[in-house]
Amino acid sequence: MPIKKAAKKYMRVTAKNTIRNKVANGVVKSAIKKTREAVAAGKIDEAQETLKKAIKALDKAVAKKIVKKNTAARKKSRLNAFVKKAALKK
């Protein structure tokens, strides 16, 4: 355990930020997972709707500096390509 007052405060700040980051990451991961599950089930319309939500969640995570800009762009691109490929097959 820290002894100095500033170190104790930094521990509290880190704990608060960790919780905030986990919530935002959970929203992103669940949105991506729902999109992939919709494609796997063959529900293209639902997949396109959840894709929009996933993109929005990724953009919010970038704005809060939880996910790097390029990481979000990569995830959005791959997810969009996945949905598009499934839509073309149908």
Protein backbone atom coordinates (compact mmCIF):
# COMPACT_ATOMS: atom_id res chain seq x y z
CA MET A 1 0.00 0.00 0.00
CA PRO A 2 1.22 3.49 -0.73
CA ILE A 3 2.31 5.72 2.10
CA LYS A 4 2.27 9.16 0.50
CA LYS A 5 -0.98 11.05 0.14
CA ALA A 6 -0.45 11.65 -3.60
CA ALA A 7 0.16 7.95 -4.21
CA LYS A 8 -3.06 7.05 -2.41
CA LYS A 9 -4.97 9.55 -4.53
CA TYR A 10 -3.39 8.14 -7.70
CA MET A 11 -4.57 4.66 -6.69
CA ARG A 12 -8.14 5.96 -6.36
CA VAL A 13 -7.93 7.72 -9.73
CA THR A 14 -6.56 4.60 -11.40
CA ALA A 15 -9.32 2.44 -9.94
CA LYS A 16 -11.98 4.87 -11.16
CA ASN A 17 -10.47 5.04 -14.65
CA THR A 18 -10.13 1.25 -14.82
CA ILE A 19 -13.85 0.83 -14.14
CA ARG A 20 -14.72 3.45 -16.76
CA ASN A 21 -12.44 1.77 -19.32
CA LYS A 22 -13.86 -1.69 -18.65
CA VAL A 23 -17.43 -0.45 -19.14
CA ALA A 24 -16.58 1.22 -22.44
CA ASN A 25 -14.61 -1.82 -23.66
CA GLY A 26 -17.50 -4.07 -22.68
CA VAL A 27 -19.93 -1.99 -24.74
CA VAL A 28 -17.60 -2.17 -27.75
CA LYS A 29 -16.98 -5.90 -27.44
CA SER A 30 -20.65 -6.76 -26.99
CA ALA A 31 -21.64 -4.64 -30.01
CA ILE A 32 -19.04 -6.39 -32.17
CA LYS A 33 -20.12 -9.78 -30.85
CA LYS A 34 -23.81 -9.08 -31.57
CA THR A 35 -22.94 -8.05 -35.13
CA ARG A 36 -20.93 -11.22 -35.75
CA GLU A 37 -23.68 -13.39 -34.23
CA ALA A 38 -26.31 -11.74 -36.45
CA VAL A 39 -24.21 -12.46 -39.55
CA ALA A 40 -23.67 -16.05 -38.44
CA ALA A 41 -27.43 -16.45 -37.98
CA GLY A 42 -28.03 -15.00 -41.45
CA LYS A 43 -29.88 -11.93 -40.19
CA ILE A 44 -28.31 -9.37 -42.50
CA ASP A 45 -30.70 -6.49 -41.66
CA GLU A 46 -30.10 -6.95 -37.94
CA ALA A 47 -26.35 -7.22 -38.58
CA GLN A 48 -26.34 -3.88 -40.39
CA GLU A 49 -28.19 -2.22 -37.50
CA THR A 50 -25.82 -3.65 -34.90
CA LEU A 51 -22.89 -2.63 -37.12
CA LYS A 52 -24.01 0.99 -36.79
CA LYS A 53 -24.13 0.59 -33.00
CA ALA A 54 -20.68 -1.01 -32.96
CA ILE A 55 -19.22 1.83 -35.02
CA LYS A 56 -20.82 4.38 -32.69
CA ALA A 57 -19.44 2.56 -29.63
CA LEU A 58 -15.94 2.47 -31.17
CA ASP A 59 -16.09 6.17 -31.99
CA LYS A 60 -17.13 7.00 -28.42
CA ALA A 61 -14.27 4.88 -27.06
CA VAL A 62 -11.83 6.80 -29.28
CA ALA A 63 -13.26 10.11 -28.07
CA LYS A 64 -12.68 9.00 -24.46
CA LYS A 65 -9.16 7.83 -25.39
CA ILE A 66 -9.91 4.27 -24.35
CA VAL A 67 -9.17 2.80 -27.78
CA LYS A 68 -6.56 4.15 -30.18
CA LYS A 69 -7.81 5.76 -33.38
CA ASN A 70 -6.12 3.26 -35.70
CA THR A 71 -7.33 0.28 -33.67
CA ALA A 72 -10.90 1.51 -33.93
CA ALA A 73 -10.51 2.14 -37.65
CA ARG A 74 -9.16 -1.39 -38.15
CA LYS A 75 -11.98 -2.98 -36.17
CA LYS A 76 -14.64 -0.93 -38.01
CA SER A 77 -13.13 -1.81 -41.38
CA ARG A 78 -12.95 -5.54 -40.67
CA LEU A 79 -16.45 -5.65 -39.23
CA ASN A 80 -17.87 -3.69 -42.16
CA ALA A 81 -16.15 -6.02 -44.64
CA PHE A 82 -17.54 -9.04 -42.75
CA VAL A 83 -21.12 -7.73 -42.93
CA LYS A 84 -20.75 -6.63 -46.55
CA LYS A 85 -19.42 -10.05 -47.61
CA ALA A 86 -22.37 -11.77 -45.92
CA ALA A 87 -24.84 -9.35 -47.57
CA LEU A 88 -23.38 -10.06 -51.02
CA LYS A 89 -23.63 -13.83 -50.49
CA LYS A 90 -27.32 -13.57 -49.70
